Amino acid sequence: MIIKSFEPISDINCKILILGTIPGVKSLEKQQYYGHKQNHFWKIVYALFDKTVEEDYDKKKAFLLSHNIAVWDVLKSCQRQGSSDSKIINPVVNDFEAFFQKHTEIKAVYFNGSYAEQYFKKLVLRKAQIPNNSYNTKITQTLHFYRLPSTSPANVMPFDEKLKQWKKILDHV
């Protein structure tokens, strides 16, 4: 089955980008980033700012943008049975060169888990489509990259430990 990612949640004021790999089954059913009830993404993001998670998805998206946070996925599409990133085949990457040309204020990219980071390094950085300290492209900003623990329910790390590591985001918002 071919899975397609969502459009990014972003605007030109965003300073950081959080990248997942591609939506899981529950997120695809709900047509929402991090739509699985047990995924800690929204709980963590709201906790970073000492706020209570809102149920309305449009309010969640507005909350991200009000804190200059963009969300997207590394993959535009792939084939996969279930929700496990380890089962991805035939991945197609999103157009990061165009994204970063439009979003020039972004200075840091945070990967929501190791698979997002692995696919980004393999499919994006190796092709030198976006800037970092070792690549020279048309895009003028320098980006810094950080891997955070996955917010997925498959990651059994305690919530408090995930939150502690996710607080790194506050350095860039």
C-alpha atoms as a PDB file:
ATOM      1  CA  MET A   1       0.000   0.000   0.000  1.00  0.00           C
ATOM      2  CA  ILE A   2       1.333   3.456  -0.903  1.00  0.00           C
ATOM      3  CA  ILE A   3       1.294   5.932   1.967  1.00  0.00           C
ATOM      4  CA  LYS A   4       1.464   9.685   1.408  1.00  0.00           C
ATOM      5  CA  SER A   5       2.570  12.282   3.905  1.00  0.00           C
ATOM      6  CA  PHE A   6       0.717  15.472   4.783  1.00  0.00           C
ATOM      7  CA  GLU A   7       1.553  19.022   3.799  1.00  0.00           C
ATOM      8  CA  PRO A   8       3.842  20.717   6.316  1.00  0.00           C
ATOM      9  CA  ILE A   9       2.526  22.755   9.195  1.00  0.00           C
ATOM     10  CA  SER A  10       4.613  25.858   8.646  1.00  0.00           C
ATOM     11  CA  ASP A  11       4.808  29.533   7.896  1.00  0.00           C
ATOM     12  CA  ILE A  12       7.654  31.892   7.028  1.00  0.00           C
ATOM     13  CA  ASN A  13       8.230  32.808  10.699  1.00  0.00           C
ATOM     14  CA  CYS A  14       9.149  29.286  11.834  1.00  0.00           C
ATOM     15  CA  LYS A  15      12.564  28.968  13.437  1.00  0.00           C
ATOM     16  CA  ILE A  16      12.669  25.203  13.915  1.00  0.00           C
ATOM     17  CA  LEU A  17      11.441  22.198  11.985  1.00  0.00           C
ATOM     18  CA  ILE A  18      10.426  18.936  13.638  1.00  0.00           C
ATOM     19  CA  LEU A  19      10.630  16.017  11.234  1.00  0.00           C
ATOM     20  CA  GLY A  20       8.929  12.671  11.579  1.00  0.00           C
ATOM     21  CA  THR A  21       9.368   9.840   9.103  1.00  0.00           C
ATOM     22  CA  ILE A  22       5.837   9.454   7.653  1.00  0.00           C
ATOM     23  CA  PRO A  23       2.395   9.209   9.328  1.00  0.00           C
ATOM     24  CA  GLY A  24       1.293   5.985  10.971  1.00  0.00           C
ATOM     25  CA  VAL A  25      -2.027   4.239  10.406  1.00  0.00           C
ATOM     26  CA  LYS A  26      -3.985   6.188  13.066  1.00  0.00           C
ATOM     27  CA  SER A  27      -2.605   9.525  11.870  1.00  0.00           C
ATOM     28  CA  LEU A  28      -3.567   8.675   8.300  1.00  0.00           C
ATOM     29  CA  GLU A  29      -7.082   7.693   9.424  1.00  0.00           C
ATOM     30  CA  LYS A  30      -7.495  11.007  11.264  1.00  0.00           C
ATOM     31  CA  GLN A  31      -5.558  13.019   8.649  1.00  0.00           C
ATOM     32  CA  GLN A  32      -3.553  14.593  11.467  1.00  0.00           C
ATOM     33  CA  TYR A  33       0.080  14.645  12.437  1.00  0.00           C
ATOM     34  CA  TYR A  34       0.632  12.437  15.493  1.00  0.00           C
ATOM     35  CA  GLY A  35      -2.984  11.313  15.584  1.00  0.00           C
ATOM     36  CA  HIS A  36      -2.441   8.162  17.674  1.00  0.00           C
ATOM     37  CA  LYS A  37      -3.830   8.743  21.188  1.00  0.00           C
ATOM     38  CA  GLN A  38      -0.776   7.197  22.815  1.00  0.00           C
ATOM     39  CA  ASN A  39       1.766   9.214  20.832  1.00  0.00           C
ATOM     40  CA  HIS A  40       3.396  11.738  23.162  1.00  0.00           C
ATOM     41  CA  PHE A  41       4.089  14.421  20.533  1.00  0.00           C
ATOM     42  CA  TRP A  42       1.314  16.859  21.391  1.00  0.00           C
ATOM     43  CA  LYS A  43       1.628  16.258  25.123  1.00  0.00           C
ATOM     44  CA  ILE A  44       5.368  17.002  24.941  1.00  0.00           C
ATOM     45  CA  VAL A  45       5.051  20.109  22.776  1.00  0.00           C
ATOM     46  CA  TYR A  46       2.399  21.627  25.013  1.00  0.00           C
ATOM     47  CA  ALA A  47       4.359  20.670  28.156  1.00  0.00           C
ATOM     48  CA  LEU A  48       7.386  22.560  26.823  1.00  0.00           C
ATOM     49  CA  PHE A  49       5.350  25.734  27.218  1.00  0.00           C
ATOM     50  CA  ASP A  50       3.471  24.671  30.383  1.00  0.00           C
ATOM     51  CA  LYS A  51       0.141  24.431  28.565  1.00  0.00           C
ATOM     52  CA  THR A  52      -2.623  21.828  28.445  1.00  0.00           C
ATOM     53  CA  VAL A  53      -3.130  20.006  25.151  1.00  0.00           C
ATOM     54  CA  GLU A  54      -6.143  21.155  23.159  1.00  0.00           C
ATOM     55  CA  GLU A  55      -8.273  18.578  21.369  1.00  0.00           C
ATOM     56  CA  ASP A  56      -9.026  20.665  18.276  1.00  0.00           C
ATOM     57  CA  TYR A  57      -6.448  19.906  15.570  1.00  0.00           C
ATOM     58  CA  ASP A  58      -6.606  23.406  14.054  1.00  0.00           C
ATOM     59  CA  LYS A  59      -5.798  24.857  17.479  1.00  0.00           C
ATOM     60  CA  LYS A  60      -2.871  22.443  17.815  1.00  0.00           C
ATOM     61  CA  LYS A  61      -1.488  23.602  14.477  1.00  0.00           C
ATOM     62  CA  ALA A  62      -1.966  27.258  15.462  1.00  0.00           C
ATOM     63  CA  PHE A  63      -0.171  26.537  18.760  1.00  0.00           C
ATOM     64  CA  LEU A  64       2.865  25.207  16.891  1.00  0.00           C
ATOM     65  CA  LEU A  65       2.992  28.212  14.591  1.00  0.00           C
ATOM     66  CA  SER A  66       2.555  30.654  17.490  1.00  0.00           C
ATOM     67  CA  HIS A  67       5.804  29.206  18.865  1.00  0.00           C
ATOM     68  CA  ASN A  68       7.558  29.304  15.469  1.00  0.00           C
ATOM     69  CA  ILE A  69       7.589  25.514  15.156  1.00  0.00           C
ATOM     70  CA  ALA A  70       7.114  23.774  11.811  1.00  0.00           C
ATOM     71  CA  VAL A  71       6.254  20.074  11.482  1.00  0.00           C
ATOM     72  CA  TRP A  72       6.726  17.861   8.457  1.00  0.00           C
ATOM     73  CA  ASP A  73       7.889  14.392   7.464  1.00  0.00           C
ATOM     74  CA  VAL A  74      11.080  13.307   5.754  1.00  0.00           C
ATOM     75  CA  LEU A  75       9.204  11.068   3.358  1.00  0.00           C
ATOM     76  CA  LYS A  76       6.654  12.249   0.826  1.00  0.00           C
ATOM     77  CA  SER A  77       5.528   8.681   0.175  1.00  0.00           C
ATOM     78  CA  CYS A  78       6.468   5.038   0.630  1.00  0.00           C
ATOM     79  CA  GLN A  79       5.034   1.570   0.883  1.00  0.00           C
ATOM     80  CA  ARG A  80       4.496   0.070   4.311  1.00  0.00           C
ATOM     81  CA  GLN A  81       2.338  -2.475   6.100  1.00  0.00           C
ATOM     82  CA  GLY A  82       1.215  -1.119   9.479  1.00  0.00           C
ATOM     83  CA  SER A  83       2.877   1.822  11.198  1.00  0.00           C
ATOM     84  CA  SER A  84       6.421   0.631  11.840  1.00  0.00           C
ATOM     85  CA  ASP A  85       9.139   2.708  10.180  1.00  0.00           C
ATOM     86  CA  SER A  86      11.247  -0.445  10.015  1.00  0.00           C
ATOM     87  CA  LYS A  87       8.819  -1.816   7.401  1.00  0.00           C
ATOM     88  CA  ILE A  88       9.170   1.074   4.927  1.00  0.00           C
ATOM     89  CA  ILE A  89      10.028   0.235   1.333  1.00  0.00           C
ATOM     90  CA  ASN A  90      10.378   2.427  -1.759  1.00  0.00           C
ATOM     91  CA  PRO A  91      10.742   5.719   0.148  1.00  0.00           C
ATOM     92  CA  VAL A  92      10.385   9.008  -1.741  1.00  0.00           C
ATOM     93  CA  VAL A  93      11.726  12.105   0.013  1.00  0.00           C
ATOM     94  CA  ASN A  94       9.956  15.463   0.339  1.00  0.00           C
ATOM     95  CA  ASP A  95      11.379  18.514  -1.480  1.00  0.00           C
ATOM     96  CA  PHE A  96      13.559  20.031   1.224  1.00  0.00           C
ATOM     97  CA  GLU A  97      15.459  22.338  -1.079  1.00  0.00           C
ATOM     98  CA  ALA A  98      12.221  24.169  -1.971  1.00  0.00           C
ATOM     99  CA  PHE A  99      11.069  24.070   1.655  1.00  0.00           C
ATOM    100  CA  PHE A 100      14.228  25.704   3.007  1.00  0.00           C
ATOM    101  CA  GLN A 101      14.300  28.274   0.230  1.00  0.00           C
ATOM    102  CA  LYS A 102      10.839  29.371   1.387  1.00  0.00           C
ATOM    103  CA  HIS A 103      11.507  29.017   5.136  1.00  0.00           C
ATOM    104  CA  THR A 104      14.717  30.994   5.534  1.00  0.00           C
ATOM    105  CA  GLU A 105      14.254  31.637   9.271  1.00  0.00           C
ATOM    106  CA  ILE A 106      14.632  27.953  10.173  1.00  0.00           C
ATOM    107  CA  LYS A 107      17.951  27.352  11.883  1.00  0.00           C
ATOM    108  CA  ALA A 108      17.441  23.970  13.558  1.00  0.00           C
ATOM    109  CA  VAL A 109      15.943  20.649  12.510  1.00  0.00           C
ATOM    110  CA  TYR A 110      14.840  18.171  15.162  1.00  0.00           C
ATOM    111  CA  PHE A 111      14.225  14.562  14.218  1.00  0.00           C
ATOM    112  CA  ASN A 112      11.400  12.793  16.019  1.00  0.00           C
ATOM    113  CA  GLY A 113      13.270   9.521  16.379  1.00  0.00           C
ATOM    114  CA  SER A 114      16.124   7.699  14.702  1.00  0.00           C
ATOM    115  CA  TYR A 115      14.316   6.598  11.536  1.00  0.00           C
ATOM    116  CA  ALA A 116      13.518  10.189  10.558  1.00  0.00           C
ATOM    117  CA  GLU A 117      17.183  11.068  11.032  1.00  0.00           C
ATOM    118  CA  GLN A 118      18.413   8.018   9.105  1.00  0.00           C
ATOM    119  CA  TYR A 119      16.167   8.639   6.105  1.00  0.00           C
ATOM    120  CA  PHE A 120      17.048  12.338   6.081  1.00  0.00           C
ATOM    121  CA  LYS A 121      20.780  11.657   6.123  1.00  0.00           C
ATOM    122  CA  LYS A 122      20.536   8.916   3.514  1.00  0.00           C
ATOM    123  CA  LEU A 123      18.071  10.524   1.099  1.00  0.00           C
ATOM    124  CA  VAL A 124      18.543  14.249   1.612  1.00  0.00           C
ATOM    125  CA  LEU A 125      21.971  15.144   2.978  1.00  0.00           C
ATOM    126  CA  ARG A 126      23.834  12.730   0.730  1.00  0.00           C
ATOM    127  CA  LYS A 127      22.322  14.520  -2.247  1.00  0.00           C
ATOM    128  CA  ALA A 128      23.396  17.885  -0.798  1.00  0.00           C
ATOM    129  CA  GLN A 129      19.979  19.433  -1.314  1.00  0.00           C
ATOM    130  CA  ILE A 130      20.103  21.514   1.838  1.00  0.00           C
ATOM    131  CA  PRO A 131      22.844  23.306   3.749  1.00  0.00           C
ATOM    132  CA  ASN A 132      24.805  22.135   6.691  1.00  0.00           C
ATOM    133  CA  ASN A 133      28.378  22.759   7.709  1.00  0.00           C
ATOM    134  CA  SER A 134      29.817  20.468   5.045  1.00  0.00           C
ATOM    135  CA  TYR A 135      27.624  21.201   2.026  1.00  0.00           C
ATOM    136  CA  ASN A 136      27.508  24.242  -0.197  1.00  0.00           C
ATOM    137  CA  THR A 137      24.186  25.052  -1.890  1.00  0.00           C
ATOM    138  CA  LYS A 138      22.105  27.984  -3.068  1.00  0.00           C
ATOM    139  CA  ILE A 139      20.359  28.173   0.293  1.00  0.00           C
ATOM    140  CA  THR A 140      21.977  30.719   2.580  1.00  0.00           C
ATOM    141  CA  GLN A 141      21.018  29.578   6.077  1.00  0.00           C
ATOM    142  CA  THR A 142      23.098  27.165   8.104  1.00  0.00           C
ATOM    143  CA  LEU A 143      21.084  24.430   9.741  1.00  0.00           C
ATOM    144  CA  HIS A 144      21.807  22.479  12.888  1.00  0.00           C
ATOM    145  CA  PHE A 145      20.465  18.955  13.331  1.00  0.00           C
ATOM    146  CA  TYR A 146      19.391  17.157  16.513  1.00  0.00           C
ATOM    147  CA  ARG A 147      17.845  13.736  17.085  1.00  0.00           C
ATOM    148  CA  LEU A 148      15.234  13.491  19.811  1.00  0.00           C
ATOM    149  CA  PRO A 149      13.656  10.345  21.221  1.00  0.00           C
ATOM    150  CA  SER A 150      10.639   9.208  19.256  1.00  0.00           C
ATOM    151  CA  THR A 151       7.279  10.235  20.683  1.00  0.00           C
ATOM    152  CA  SER A 152       5.782   7.016  19.308  1.00  0.00           C
ATOM    153  CA  PRO A 153       4.075   4.618  21.706  1.00  0.00           C
ATOM    154  CA  ALA A 154       6.547   2.013  20.422  1.00  0.00           C
ATOM    155  CA  ASN A 155       9.310   3.926  22.251  1.00  0.00           C
ATOM    156  CA  VAL A 156       8.967   2.738  25.845  1.00  0.00           C
ATOM    157  CA  MET A 157      11.143   5.525  27.288  1.00  0.00           C
ATOM    158  CA  PRO A 158       9.262   7.168  30.196  1.00  0.00           C
ATOM    159  CA  PHE A 159       7.421  10.386  29.314  1.00  0.00           C
ATOM    160  CA  ASP A 160       9.468  12.516  31.744  1.00  0.00           C
ATOM    161  CA  GLU A 161      12.720  11.385  30.110  1.00  0.00           C
ATOM    162  CA  LYS A 162      11.368  12.142  26.638  1.00  0.00           C
ATOM    163  CA  LEU A 163      10.244  15.579  27.790  1.00  0.00           C
ATOM    164  CA  LYS A 164      13.633  16.304  29.348  1.00  0.00           C
ATOM    165  CA  GLN A 165      15.376  15.591  26.045  1.00  0.00           C
ATOM    166  CA  TRP A 166      12.779  17.475  23.989  1.00  0.00           C
ATOM    167  CA  LYS A 167      13.453  20.641  26.035  1.00  0.00           C
ATOM    168  CA  LYS A 168      16.416  21.207  23.680  1.00  0.00           C
ATOM    169  CA  ILE A 169      13.876  22.723  21.313  1.00  0.00           C
ATOM    170  CA  LEU A 170      13.497  25.705  23.622  1.00  0.00           C
ATOM    171  CA  ASP A 171      17.037  26.783  22.690  1.00  0.00           C
ATOM    172  CA  HIS A 172      15.830  27.728  19.211  1.00  0.00           C
ATOM    173  CA  VAL A 173      12.249  28.993  19.585  1.00  0.00           C
END
